[in-house]
Structure formats: structure tokens, C-alpha cells
């Protein structure tokens, strides 16, 4: 697809016919707040580890299937993760180990209740 500014990506739906927009106030889920806080910390004026433009580039390069299968905050989380790995801030192995450790801690917590 193309407009007067050049080719449009699958993620660029601005101006496309999409019907009415439901106006509903949705509460933020706890993990969504955490994703937004982490994004703010990674991109603040002091750290400048991951910029908002990098996050946007990250999720705009997912491909149409992955992009459409994820929620807004899940896209942001996946893009930040990819960028941190790409920049060598964390490795995939370190991230996978941290996730496994967290799951173990939560399983132990749940079983102790």
C-alpha cells in the first residue's frame, strides 16, 4: 500500500477505514504498568538505554502475524527485550535463566499458601 508519503507498513493503519472506535475506559493491568515503567526507565534522560524510536522500530519489524497477535503492551515488551539482547545489555540465556528462576520462586510461593 502507498500514500503520498511513500509505502505504508502493515502497522500503519492511520486513515484506513475501520469503522467506529469504541470509547471505553479500560483499566491498566498491573503488568502493563510495569512494562510502561520499565520503558520509561530504559529511555529516560539519564540512562538512554532504549529510546522510544527503537521500541517503535522493534515492533514495526515483527512481521504482520506477530504484530497482529500481540497486544499493545506485549508488543512493547517484546520489542524492548529484543533491543536489550541486540545491544548486548542482556543475553537470551541470561533472560531465559531469570524467567526460569522467577517461575520457580512463584511456584514455591503458590505451593506454600
PDB file of N, CA and C in Angstrom:
ATOM      1  N   UNK A   1       0.842  -1.160   0.000  1.00  0.00           N
ATOM      2  CA  UNK A   1       0.000   0.000   0.000  1.00  0.00           C
ATOM      3  C   UNK A   1       0.895   1.233   0.000  1.00  0.00           C
ATOM      4  N   UNK A   2       0.446   2.301  -0.627  1.00  0.00           N
ATOM      5  CA  UNK A   2       1.250   3.514  -0.712  1.00  0.00           C
ATOM      6  C   UNK A   2       0.346   4.732  -0.615  1.00  0.00           C
ATOM      7  N   UNK A   3       0.860   5.783   0.012  1.00  0.00           N
ATOM      8  CA  UNK A   3       0.162   7.057   0.012  1.00  0.00           C
ATOM      9  C   UNK A   3       1.124   8.099  -0.531  1.00  0.00           C
ATOM     10  N   UNK A   4       0.798   9.368  -0.399  1.00  0.00           N
ATOM     11  CA  UNK A   4       1.656  10.408  -0.967  1.00  0.00           C
ATOM     12  C   UNK A   4       2.990  10.549  -0.238  1.00  0.00           C
ATOM     13  N   UNK A   5       3.170   9.847   0.874  1.00  0.00           N
ATOM     14  CA  UNK A   5       4.434   9.904   1.626  1.00  0.00           C
ATOM     15  C   UNK A   5       5.294   8.673   1.381  1.00  0.00           C
ATOM     16  N   UNK A   6       4.834   7.749   0.585  1.00  0.00           N
ATOM     17  CA  UNK A   6       5.588   6.533   0.314  1.00  0.00           C
ATOM     18  C   UNK A   6       4.837   5.300   0.756  1.00  0.00           C
ATOM     19  N   UNK A   7       5.510   4.150   0.732  1.00  0.00           N
ATOM     20  CA  UNK A   7       4.842   2.900   1.095  1.00  0.00           C
ATOM     21  C   UNK A   7       4.458   2.879   2.576  1.00  0.00           C
ATOM     22  N   UNK A   8       3.302   2.294   2.851  1.00  0.00           N
ATOM     23  CA  UNK A   8       2.833   2.142   4.228  1.00  0.00           C
ATOM     24  C   UNK A   8       3.152   0.732   4.710  1.00  0.00           C
ATOM     25  N   UNK A   9       3.527   0.632   5.974  1.00  0.00           N
ATOM     26  CA  UNK A   9       3.754  -0.673   6.574  1.00  0.00           C
ATOM     27  C   UNK A   9       2.451  -1.270   7.064  1.00  0.00           C
ATOM     28  N   UNK A  10       2.459  -2.551   7.362  1.00  0.00           N
ATOM     29  CA  UNK A  10       1.269  -3.240   7.861  1.00  0.00           C
ATOM     30  C   UNK A  10       0.783  -2.636   9.171  1.00  0.00           C
ATOM     31  N   UNK A  11       1.682  -2.028   9.932  1.00  0.00           N
ATOM     32  CA  UNK A  11       1.346  -1.445  11.227  1.00  0.00           C
ATOM     33  C   UNK A  11       0.723  -0.064  11.102  1.00  0.00           C
ATOM     34  N   UNK A  12       0.829   0.576   9.946  1.00  0.00           N
ATOM     35  CA  UNK A  12       0.375   1.945   9.759  1.00  0.00           C
ATOM     36  C   UNK A  12      -1.052   1.942   9.237  1.00  0.00           C
ATOM     37  N   UNK A  13      -2.017   1.984  10.141  1.00  0.00           N
ATOM     38  CA  UNK A  13      -3.418   1.898   9.760  1.00  0.00           C
ATOM     39  C   UNK A  13      -4.110   3.252   9.815  1.00  0.00           C
ATOM     40  N   UNK A  14      -3.381   4.298  10.128  1.00  0.00           N
ATOM     41  CA  UNK A  14      -3.963   5.626  10.196  1.00  0.00           C
ATOM     42  C   UNK A  14      -4.608   6.008   8.880  1.00  0.00           C
ATOM     43  N   UNK A  15      -5.865   6.454   8.939  1.00  0.00           N
ATOM     44  CA  UNK A  15      -6.576   6.866   7.743  1.00  0.00           C
ATOM     45  C   UNK A  15      -7.317   5.749   7.041  1.00  0.00           C
ATOM     46  N   UNK A  16      -7.059   4.493   7.418  1.00  0.00           N
ATOM     47  CA  UNK A  16      -7.773   3.378   6.803  1.00  0.00           C
ATOM     48  C   UNK A  16      -9.190   3.301   7.372  1.00  0.00           C
ATOM     49  N   UNK A  17     -10.117   2.850   6.561  1.00  0.00           N
ATOM     50  CA  UNK A  17     -11.491   2.656   7.032  1.00  0.00           C
ATOM     51  C   UNK A  17     -11.499   1.513   8.039  1.00  0.00           C
ATOM     52  N   UNK A  18     -12.002   1.783   9.216  1.00  0.00           N
ATOM     53  CA  UNK A  18     -12.003   0.752  10.254  1.00  0.00           C
ATOM     54  C   UNK A  18     -13.295   0.736  11.062  1.00  0.00           C
ATOM     55  N   UNK A  19     -14.252   1.548  10.689  1.00  0.00           N
ATOM     56  CA  UNK A  19     -15.492   1.594  11.456  1.00  0.00           C
ATOM     57  C   UNK A  19     -15.362   2.513  12.651  1.00  0.00           C
ATOM     58  N   UNK A  20     -16.361   2.491  13.486  1.00  0.00           N
ATOM     59  CA  UNK A  20     -16.356   3.384  14.651  1.00  0.00           C
ATOM     60  C   UNK A  20     -15.370   2.876  15.703  1.00  0.00           C
ATOM     61  N   UNK A  21     -14.889   3.795  16.486  1.00  0.00           N
ATOM     62  CA  UNK A  21     -13.940   3.475  17.547  1.00  0.00           C
ATOM     63  C   UNK A  21     -14.705   3.412  18.861  1.00  0.00           C
ATOM     64  N   UNK A  22     -14.666   2.261  19.524  1.00  0.00           N
ATOM     65  CA  UNK A  22     -15.367   2.181  20.810  1.00  0.00           C
ATOM     66  C   UNK A  22     -14.643   3.042  21.846  1.00  0.00           C
ATOM     67  N   UNK A  23     -15.390   3.859  22.530  1.00  0.00           N
ATOM     68  CA  UNK A  23     -14.804   4.722  23.556  1.00  0.00           C
ATOM     69  C   UNK A  23     -15.122   4.082  24.903  1.00  0.00           C
ATOM     70  N   UNK A  24     -14.144   3.341  25.404  1.00  0.00           N
ATOM     71  CA  UNK A  24     -14.294   2.598  26.646  1.00  0.00           C
ATOM     72  C   UNK A  24     -13.044   2.828  27.476  1.00  0.00           C
ATOM     73  N   UNK A  25     -13.227   3.191  28.711  1.00  0.00           N
ATOM     74  CA  UNK A  25     -12.091   3.367  29.617  1.00  0.00           C
ATOM     75  C   UNK A  25     -11.701   1.996  30.149  1.00  0.00           C
ATOM     76  N   UNK A  26     -10.510   1.539  29.773  1.00  0.00           N
ATOM     77  CA  UNK A  26     -10.032   0.238  30.221  1.00  0.00           C
ATOM     78  C   UNK A  26      -8.982   0.425  31.305  1.00  0.00           C
ATOM     79  N   UNK A  27      -9.102  -0.309  32.388  1.00  0.00           N
ATOM     80  CA  UNK A  27      -8.075  -0.192  33.428  1.00  0.00           C
ATOM     81  C   UNK A  27      -6.780  -0.846  32.969  1.00  0.00           C
ATOM     82  N   UNK A  28      -5.656  -0.287  33.412  1.00  0.00           N
ATOM     83  CA  UNK A  28      -4.357  -0.899  33.114  1.00  0.00           C
ATOM     84  C   UNK A  28      -4.202  -2.134  33.977  1.00  0.00           C
ATOM     85  N   UNK A  29      -3.707  -3.188  33.375  1.00  0.00           N
ATOM     86  CA  UNK A  29      -3.341  -4.362  34.147  1.00  0.00           C
ATOM     87  C   UNK A  29      -2.005  -4.078  34.825  1.00  0.00           C
ATOM     88  N   UNK A  30      -1.737  -4.743  35.923  1.00  0.00           N
ATOM     89  CA  UNK A  30      -0.512  -4.489  36.674  1.00  0.00           C
ATOM     90  C   UNK A  30       0.734  -4.649  35.806  1.00  0.00           C
ATOM     91  N   UNK A  31       0.800  -5.721  35.017  1.00  0.00           N
ATOM     92  CA  UNK A  31       1.986  -5.964  34.193  1.00  0.00           C
ATOM     93  C   UNK A  31       2.144  -4.895  33.114  1.00  0.00           C
ATOM     94  N   UNK A  32       1.028  -4.313  32.654  1.00  0.00           N
ATOM     95  CA  UNK A  32       1.116  -3.245  31.662  1.00  0.00           C
ATOM     96  C   UNK A  32       1.756  -2.002  32.276  1.00  0.00           C
ATOM     97  N   UNK A  33       1.400  -1.713  33.513  1.00  0.00           N
ATOM     98  CA  UNK A  33       2.030  -0.592  34.222  1.00  0.00           C
ATOM     99  C   UNK A  33       3.530  -0.841  34.388  1.00  0.00           C
ATOM    100  N   UNK A  34       3.886  -2.086  34.678  1.00  0.00           N
ATOM    101  CA  UNK A  34       5.296  -2.415  34.830  1.00  0.00           C
ATOM    102  C   UNK A  34       6.054  -2.247  33.520  1.00  0.00           C
ATOM    103  N   UNK A  35       5.460  -2.678  32.409  1.00  0.00           N
ATOM    104  CA  UNK A  35       6.096  -2.519  31.101  1.00  0.00           C
ATOM    105  C   UNK A  35       6.318  -1.040  30.811  1.00  0.00           C
ATOM    106  N   UNK A  36       5.314  -0.216  31.081  1.00  0.00           N
ATOM    107  CA  UNK A  36       5.432   1.214  30.822  1.00  0.00           C
ATOM    108  C   UNK A  36       6.492   1.851  31.722  1.00  0.00           C
ATOM    109  N   UNK A  37       6.556   1.422  32.976  1.00  0.00           N
ATOM    110  CA  UNK A  37       7.566   1.952  33.898  1.00  0.00           C
ATOM    111  C   UNK A  37       8.980   1.555  33.439  1.00  0.00           C
ATOM    112  N   UNK A  38       9.151   0.328  33.028  1.00  0.00           N
ATOM    113  CA  UNK A  38      10.456  -0.137  32.553  1.00  0.00           C
ATOM    114  C   UNK A  38      10.860   0.622  31.298  1.00  0.00           C
ATOM    115  N   UNK A  39       9.898   0.827  30.380  1.00  0.00           N
ATOM    116  CA  UNK A  39      10.197   1.588  29.171  1.00  0.00           C
ATOM    117  C   UNK A  39      10.640   3.004  29.530  1.00  0.00           C
ATOM    118  N   UNK A  40       9.968   3.598  30.500  1.00  0.00           N
ATOM    119  CA  UNK A  40      10.345   4.932  30.945  1.00  0.00           C
ATOM    120  C   UNK A  40      11.741   4.969  31.550  1.00  0.00           C
ATOM    121  N   UNK A  41      12.080   3.968  32.332  1.00  0.00           N
ATOM    122  CA  UNK A  41      13.411   3.908  32.944  1.00  0.00           C
ATOM    123  C   UNK A  41      14.503   3.662  31.908  1.00  0.00           C
ATOM    124  N   UNK A  42      14.239   2.773  30.963  1.00  0.00           N
ATOM    125  CA  UNK A  42      15.245   2.470  29.943  1.00  0.00           C
ATOM    126  C   UNK A  42      15.510   3.655  29.021  1.00  0.00           C
ATOM    127  N   UNK A  43      14.500   4.512  28.844  1.00  0.00           N
ATOM    128  CA  UNK A  43      14.641   5.600  27.897  1.00  0.00           C
ATOM    129  C   UNK A  43      14.748   6.973  28.521  1.00  0.00           C
ATOM    130  N   UNK A  44      14.886   7.031  29.844  1.00  0.00           N
ATOM    131  CA  UNK A  44      14.919   8.359  30.474  1.00  0.00           C
ATOM    132  C   UNK A  44      16.205   9.099  30.130  1.00  0.00           C
ATOM    133  N   UNK A  45      16.249  10.369  30.485  1.00  0.00           N
ATOM    134  CA  UNK A  45      17.380  11.227  30.144  1.00  0.00           C
ATOM    135  C   UNK A  45      18.699  10.804  30.750  1.00  0.00           C
ATOM    136  N   UNK A  46      18.670  10.020  31.805  1.00  0.00           N
ATOM    137  CA  UNK A  46      19.898   9.571  32.454  1.00  0.00           C
ATOM    138  C   UNK A  46      20.443   8.301  31.806  1.00  0.00           C
ATOM    139  N   UNK A  47      19.577   7.319  31.591  1.00  0.00           N
ATOM    140  CA  UNK A  47      20.042   6.017  31.117  1.00  0.00           C
ATOM    141  C   UNK A  47      20.163   5.951  29.599  1.00  0.00           C
ATOM    142  N   UNK A  48      19.144   6.354  28.903  1.00  0.00           N
ATOM    143  CA  UNK A  48      19.131   6.332  27.432  1.00  0.00           C
ATOM    144  C   UNK A  48      19.587   4.987  26.855  1.00  0.00           C
ATOM    145  N   UNK A  49      19.092   3.925  27.451  1.00  0.00           N
ATOM    146  CA  UNK A  49      19.465   2.581  27.007  1.00  0.00           C
ATOM    147  C   UNK A  49      18.637   2.170  25.794  1.00  0.00           C
ATOM    148  N   UNK A  50      17.336   2.430  25.860  1.00  0.00           N
ATOM    149  CA  UNK A  50      16.426   2.092  24.765  1.00  0.00           C
ATOM    150  C   UNK A  50      15.506   3.289  24.542  1.00  0.00           C
ATOM    151  N   UNK A  51      15.544   3.844  23.346  1.00  0.00           N
ATOM    152  CA  UNK A  51      14.694   5.003  23.051  1.00  0.00           C
ATOM    153  C   UNK A  51      13.319   4.547  22.572  1.00  0.00           C
ATOM    154  N   UNK A  52      12.369   5.459  22.646  1.00  0.00           N
ATOM    155  CA  UNK A  52      11.027   5.170  22.158  1.00  0.00           C
ATOM    156  C   UNK A  52      11.063   4.852  20.662  1.00  0.00           C
ATOM    157  N   UNK A  53      11.916   5.544  19.918  1.00  0.00           N
ATOM    158  CA  UNK A  53      12.047   5.256  18.485  1.00  0.00           C
ATOM    159  C   UNK A  53      12.561   3.838  18.244  1.00  0.00           C
ATOM    160  N   UNK A  54      13.478   3.367  19.086  1.00  0.00           N
ATOM    161  CA  UNK A  54      13.971   1.997  18.947  1.00  0.00           C
ATOM    162  C   UNK A  54      12.866   0.991  19.243  1.00  0.00           C
ATOM    163  N   UNK A  55      12.063   1.277  20.266  1.00  0.00           N
ATOM    164  CA  UNK A  55      10.945   0.385  20.588  1.00  0.00           C
ATOM    165  C   UNK A  55       9.981   0.328  19.409  1.00  0.00           C
ATOM    166  N   UNK A  56       9.669   1.480  18.847  1.00  0.00           N
ATOM    167  CA  UNK A  56       8.771   1.533  17.684  1.00  0.00           C
ATOM    168  C   UNK A  56       9.361   0.740  16.509  1.00  0.00           C
ATOM    169  N   UNK A  57      10.632   0.960  16.221  1.00  0.00           N
ATOM    170  CA  UNK A  57      11.287   0.208  15.139  1.00  0.00           C
ATOM    171  C   UNK A  57      11.208  -1.288  15.424  1.00  0.00           C
ATOM    172  N   UNK A  58      11.399  -1.630  16.704  1.00  0.00           N
ATOM    173  CA  UNK A  58      11.360  -3.039  17.082  1.00  0.00           C
ATOM    174  C   UNK A  58      10.030  -3.690  16.780  1.00  0.00           C
ATOM    175  N   UNK A  59       8.930  -3.077  17.222  1.00  0.00           N
ATOM    176  CA  UNK A  59       7.659  -3.764  16.981  1.00  0.00           C
ATOM    177  C   UNK A  59       7.139  -3.572  15.568  1.00  0.00           C
ATOM    178  N   UNK A  60       7.603  -2.549  14.879  1.00  0.00           N
ATOM    179  CA  UNK A  60       7.204  -2.388  13.483  1.00  0.00           C
ATOM    180  C   UNK A  60       7.927  -3.379  12.567  1.00  0.00           C
ATOM    181  N   UNK A  61       8.945  -4.047  13.080  1.00  0.00           N
ATOM    182  CA  UNK A  61       9.671  -5.025  12.269  1.00  0.00           C
ATOM    183  C   UNK A  61       9.297  -6.470  12.624  1.00  0.00           C
ATOM    184  N   UNK A  62       8.265  -6.663  13.428  1.00  0.00           N
ATOM    185  CA  UNK A  62       7.855  -8.009  13.838  1.00  0.00           C
ATOM    186  C   UNK A  62       7.342  -8.862  12.683  1.00  0.00           C
ATOM    187  N   UNK A  63       6.737  -8.265  11.718  1.00  0.00           N
ATOM    188  CA  UNK A  63       6.006  -9.011  10.703  1.00  0.00           C
ATOM    189  C   UNK A  63       4.529  -8.976  11.058  1.00  0.00           C
ATOM    190  N   UNK A  64       3.700  -9.051  10.052  1.00  0.00           N
ATOM    191  CA  UNK A  64       2.269  -8.826  10.245  1.00  0.00           C
ATOM    192  C   UNK A  64       1.626  -9.820  11.213  1.00  0.00           C
ATOM    193  N   UNK A  65       1.991 -11.109  11.134  1.00  0.00           N
ATOM    194  CA  UNK A  65       1.350 -12.103  12.011  1.00  0.00           C
ATOM    195  C   UNK A  65       1.685 -11.858  13.481  1.00  0.00           C
ATOM    196  N   UNK A  66       2.965 -11.684  13.777  1.00  0.00           N
ATOM    197  CA  UNK A  66       3.360 -11.450  15.167  1.00  0.00           C
ATOM    198  C   UNK A  66       2.796 -10.129  15.663  1.00  0.00           C
ATOM    199  N   UNK A  67       2.893  -9.085  14.857  1.00  0.00           N
ATOM    200  CA  UNK A  67       2.395  -7.767  15.244  1.00  0.00           C
ATOM    201  C   UNK A  67       0.910  -7.841  15.602  1.00  0.00           C
ATOM    202  N   UNK A  68       0.117  -8.467  14.758  1.00  0.00           N
ATOM    203  CA  UNK A  68      -1.328  -8.529  14.985  1.00  0.00           C
ATOM    204  C   UNK A  68      -1.727  -9.489  16.097  1.00  0.00           C
ATOM    205  N   UNK A  69      -0.852 -10.410  16.475  1.00  0.00           N
ATOM    206  CA  UNK A  69      -1.203 -11.380  17.513  1.00  0.00           C
ATOM    207  C   UNK A  69      -0.929 -10.857  18.924  1.00  0.00           C
ATOM    208  N   UNK A  70      -0.198  -9.756  19.031  1.00  0.00           N
ATOM    209  CA  UNK A  70       0.185  -9.237  20.343  1.00  0.00           C
ATOM    210  C   UNK A  70      -0.589  -7.978  20.706  1.00  0.00           C
ATOM    211  N   UNK A  71      -0.837  -7.804  21.996  1.00  0.00           N
ATOM    212  CA  UNK A  71      -1.459  -6.570  22.475  1.00  0.00           C
ATOM    213  C   UNK A  71      -0.430  -5.436  22.441  1.00  0.00           C
ATOM    214  N   UNK A  72      -0.888  -4.219  22.626  1.00  0.00           N
ATOM    215  CA  UNK A  72      -0.020  -3.046  22.593  1.00  0.00           C
ATOM    216  C   UNK A  72       1.166  -3.192  23.553  1.00  0.00           C
ATOM    217  N   UNK A  73       0.896  -3.522  24.811  1.00  0.00           N
ATOM    218  CA  UNK A  73       1.978  -3.610  25.794  1.00  0.00           C
ATOM    219  C   UNK A  73       2.833  -4.852  25.604  1.00  0.00           C
ATOM    220  N   UNK A  74       2.248  -5.907  25.091  1.00  0.00           N
ATOM    221  CA  UNK A  74       3.056  -7.096  24.790  1.00  0.00           C
ATOM    222  C   UNK A  74       4.036  -6.794  23.649  1.00  0.00           C
ATOM    223  N   UNK A  75       3.591  -6.006  22.648  1.00  0.00           N
ATOM    224  CA  UNK A  75       4.496  -5.577  21.574  1.00  0.00           C
ATOM    225  C   UNK A  75       5.649  -4.780  22.145  1.00  0.00           C
ATOM    226  N   UNK A  76       5.337  -3.853  23.042  1.00  0.00           N
ATOM    227  CA  UNK A  76       6.380  -3.016  23.639  1.00  0.00           C
ATOM    228  C   UNK A  76       7.378  -3.878  24.414  1.00  0.00           C
ATOM    229  N   UNK A  77       6.865  -4.820  25.191  1.00  0.00           N
ATOM    230  CA  UNK A  77       7.725  -5.699  25.984  1.00  0.00           C
ATOM    231  C   UNK A  77       8.626  -6.534  25.083  1.00  0.00           C
ATOM    232  N   UNK A  78       8.053  -7.140  24.063  1.00  0.00           N
ATOM    233  CA  UNK A  78       8.841  -7.961  23.135  1.00  0.00           C
ATOM    234  C   UNK A  78       9.904  -7.124  22.434  1.00  0.00           C
ATOM    235  N   UNK A  79       9.533  -5.916  22.004  1.00  0.00           N
ATOM    236  CA  UNK A  79      10.490  -5.045  21.309  1.00  0.00           C
ATOM    237  C   UNK A  79      11.622  -4.627  22.247  1.00  0.00           C
ATOM    238  N   UNK A  80      11.296  -4.255  23.486  1.00  0.00           N
ATOM    239  CA  UNK A  80      12.345  -3.871  24.440  1.00  0.00           C
ATOM    240  C   UNK A  80      13.290  -5.029  24.707  1.00  0.00           C
ATOM    241  N   UNK A  81      12.731  -6.217  24.861  1.00  0.00           N
ATOM    242  CA  UNK A  81      13.545  -7.406  25.099  1.00  0.00           C
ATOM    243  C   UNK A  81      14.497  -7.641  23.925  1.00  0.00           C
ATOM    244  N   UNK A  82      13.953  -7.596  22.713  1.00  0.00           N
ATOM    245  CA  UNK A  82      14.780  -7.802  21.516  1.00  0.00           C
ATOM    246  C   UNK A  82      15.912  -6.777  21.441  1.00  0.00           C
ATOM    247  N   UNK A  83      15.610  -5.516  21.756  1.00  0.00           N
ATOM    248  CA  UNK A  83      16.617  -4.453  21.669  1.00  0.00           C
ATOM    249  C   UNK A  83      17.692  -4.628  22.738  1.00  0.00           C
ATOM    250  N   UNK A  84      17.298  -5.000  23.950  1.00  0.00           N
ATOM    251  CA  UNK A  84      18.282  -5.228  25.012  1.00  0.00           C
ATOM    252  C   UNK A  84      19.226  -6.374  24.646  1.00  0.00           C
ATOM    253  N   UNK A  85      18.686  -7.407  24.016  1.00  0.00           N
ATOM    254  CA  UNK A  85      19.523  -8.521  23.565  1.00  0.00           C
ATOM    255  C   UNK A  85      20.410  -8.060  22.414  1.00  0.00           C
ATOM    256  N   UNK A  86      19.823  -7.349  21.467  1.00  0.00           N
ATOM    257  CA  UNK A  86      20.569  -6.832  20.310  1.00  0.00           C
ATOM    258  C   UNK A  86      21.746  -5.956  20.744  1.00  0.00           C
ATOM    259  N   UNK A  87      21.546  -5.147  21.787  1.00  0.00           N
ATOM    260  CA  UNK A  87      22.593  -4.239  22.261  1.00  0.00           C
ATOM    261  C   UNK A  87      23.576  -4.924  23.217  1.00  0.00           C
ATOM    262  N   UNK A  88      23.311  -6.163  23.579  1.00  0.00           N
ATOM    263  CA  UNK A  88      24.211  -6.885  24.473  1.00  0.00           C
ATOM    264  C   UNK A  88      24.062  -6.516  25.932  1.00  0.00           C
ATOM    265  N   UNK A  89      22.945  -5.852  26.287  1.00  0.00           N
ATOM    266  CA  UNK A  89      22.697  -5.492  27.682  1.00  0.00           C
ATOM    267  C   UNK A  89      22.404  -6.745  28.492  1.00  0.00           C
ATOM    268  N   UNK A  90      21.699  -7.668  27.873  1.00  0.00           N
ATOM    269  CA  UNK A  90      21.381  -8.960  28.474  1.00  0.00           C
ATOM    270  C   UNK A  90      21.429  -9.992  27.346  1.00  0.00           C
ATOM    271  N   UNK A  91      21.807 -11.203  27.673  1.00  0.00           N
ATOM    272  CA  UNK A  91      21.815 -12.257  26.648  1.00  0.00           C
ATOM    273  C   UNK A  91      20.509 -13.034  26.732  1.00  0.00           C
ATOM    274  N   UNK A  92      20.200 -13.758  25.689  1.00  0.00           N
ATOM    275  CA  UNK A  92      19.000 -14.597  25.688  1.00  0.00           C
ATOM    276  C   UNK A  92      19.105 -15.644  26.792  1.00  0.00           C
ATOM    277  N   UNK A  93      20.301 -16.202  26.986  1.00  0.00           N
ATOM    278  CA  UNK A  93      20.490 -17.221  28.030  1.00  0.00           C
ATOM    279  C   UNK A  93      20.244 -16.619  29.423  1.00  0.00           C
ATOM    280  N   UNK A  94      20.759 -15.414  29.664  1.00  0.00           N
ATOM    281  CA  UNK A  94      20.538 -14.759  30.964  1.00  0.00           C
ATOM    282  C   UNK A  94      19.052 -14.484  31.184  1.00  0.00           C
ATOM    283  N   UNK A  95      18.390 -14.024  30.154  1.00  0.00           N
ATOM    284  CA  UNK A  95      16.966 -13.738  30.259  1.00  0.00           C
ATOM    285  C   UNK A  95      16.172 -15.019  30.520  1.00  0.00           C
ATOM    286  N   UNK A  96      16.473 -16.059  29.760  1.00  0.00           N
ATOM    287  CA  UNK A  96      15.777 -17.342  29.958  1.00  0.00           C
ATOM    288  C   UNK A  96      15.998 -17.879  31.370  1.00  0.00           C
ATOM    289  N   UNK A  97      17.213 -17.726  31.906  1.00  0.00           N
ATOM    290  CA  UNK A  97      17.504 -18.185  33.265  1.00  0.00           C
ATOM    291  C   UNK A  97      16.736 -17.365  34.295  1.00  0.00           C
ATOM    292  N   UNK A  98      16.672 -16.062  34.109  1.00  0.00           N
ATOM    293  CA  UNK A  98      15.930 -15.195  35.031  1.00  0.00           C
ATOM    294  C   UNK A  98      14.441 -15.545  35.018  1.00  0.00           C
ATOM    295  N   UNK A  99      13.902 -15.845  33.856  1.00  0.00           N
ATOM    296  CA  UNK A  99      12.492 -16.230  33.751  1.00  0.00           C
ATOM    297  C   UNK A  99      12.257 -17.564  34.461  1.00  0.00           C
ATOM    298  N   UNK A 100      13.153 -18.532  34.238  1.00  0.00           N
ATOM    299  CA  UNK A 100      13.031 -19.837  34.894  1.00  0.00           C
ATOM    300  C   UNK A 100      13.115 -19.692  36.412  1.00  0.00           C
ATOM    301  N   UNK A 101      14.050 -18.864  36.888  1.00  0.00           N
ATOM    302  CA  UNK A 101      14.189 -18.634  38.327  1.00  0.00           C
ATOM    303  C   UNK A 101      12.920 -18.012  38.912  1.00  0.00           C
ATOM    304  N   UNK A 102      12.355 -17.041  38.197  1.00  0.00           N
ATOM    305  CA  UNK A 102      11.127 -16.390  38.667  1.00  0.00           C
ATOM    306  C   UNK A 102       9.967 -17.363  38.716  1.00  0.00           C
ATOM    307  N   UNK A 103       9.867 -18.213  37.702  1.00  0.00           N
ATOM    308  CA  UNK A 103       8.785 -19.199  37.696  1.00  0.00           C
ATOM    309  C   UNK A 103       8.921 -20.172  38.860  1.00  0.00           C
ATOM    310  N   UNK A 104      10.155 -20.547  39.166  1.00  0.00           N
ATOM    311  CA  UNK A 104      10.397 -21.440  40.300  1.00  0.00           C
ATOM    312  C   UNK A 104       9.979 -20.767  41.604  1.00  0.00           C
ATOM    313  N   UNK A 105      10.393 -19.502  41.783  1.00  0.00           N
ATOM    314  CA  UNK A 105      10.021 -18.766  43.000  1.00  0.00           C
ATOM    315  C   UNK A 105       8.505 -18.657  43.140  1.00  0.00           C
ATOM    316  N   UNK A 106       7.797 -18.356  42.030  1.00  0.00           N
ATOM    317  CA  UNK A 106       6.354 -18.239  42.092  1.00  0.00           C
ATOM    318  C   UNK A 106       5.708 -19.580  42.376  1.00  0.00           C
ATOM    319  N   UNK A 107       6.226 -20.646  41.816  1.00  0.00           N
ATOM    320  CA  UNK A 107       5.667 -21.973  42.072  1.00  0.00           C
ATOM    321  C   UNK A 107       5.849 -22.341  43.544  1.00  0.00           C
ATOM    322  N   UNK A 108       7.005 -22.010  44.102  1.00  0.00           N
ATOM    323  CA  UNK A 108       7.264 -22.281  45.522  1.00  0.00           C
ATOM    324  C   UNK A 108       6.328 -21.445  46.397  1.00  0.00           C
ATOM    325  N   UNK A 109       6.115 -20.201  46.015  1.00  0.00           N
ATOM    326  CA  UNK A 109       5.223 -19.318  46.754  1.00  0.00           C
ATOM    327  C   UNK A 109       3.799 -19.863  46.728  1.00  0.00           C
ATOM    328  N   UNK A 110       3.339 -20.252  45.531  1.00  0.00           N
ATOM    329  CA  UNK A 110       1.986 -20.783  45.391  1.00  0.00           C
ATOM    330  C   UNK A 110       1.791 -22.066  46.198  1.00  0.00           C
ATOM    331  N   UNK A 111       2.800 -22.931  46.203  1.00  0.00           N
ATOM    332  CA  UNK A 111       2.657 -24.202  46.920  1.00  0.00           C
ATOM    333  C   UNK A 111       2.726 -24.012  48.430  1.00  0.00           C
ATOM    334  N   UNK A 112       3.289 -22.903  48.890  1.00  0.00           N
ATOM    335  CA  UNK A 112       3.392 -22.666  50.340  1.00  0.00           C
ATOM    336  C   UNK A 112       2.130 -22.035  50.915  1.00  0.00           C
ATOM    337  N   UNK A 113       1.211 -21.664  50.058  1.00  0.00           N
ATOM    338  CA  UNK A 113      -0.013 -20.998  50.532  1.00  0.00           C
ATOM    339  C   UNK A 113      -1.058 -21.941  50.975  1.00  0.00           C
TER     340      UNK A 113
END
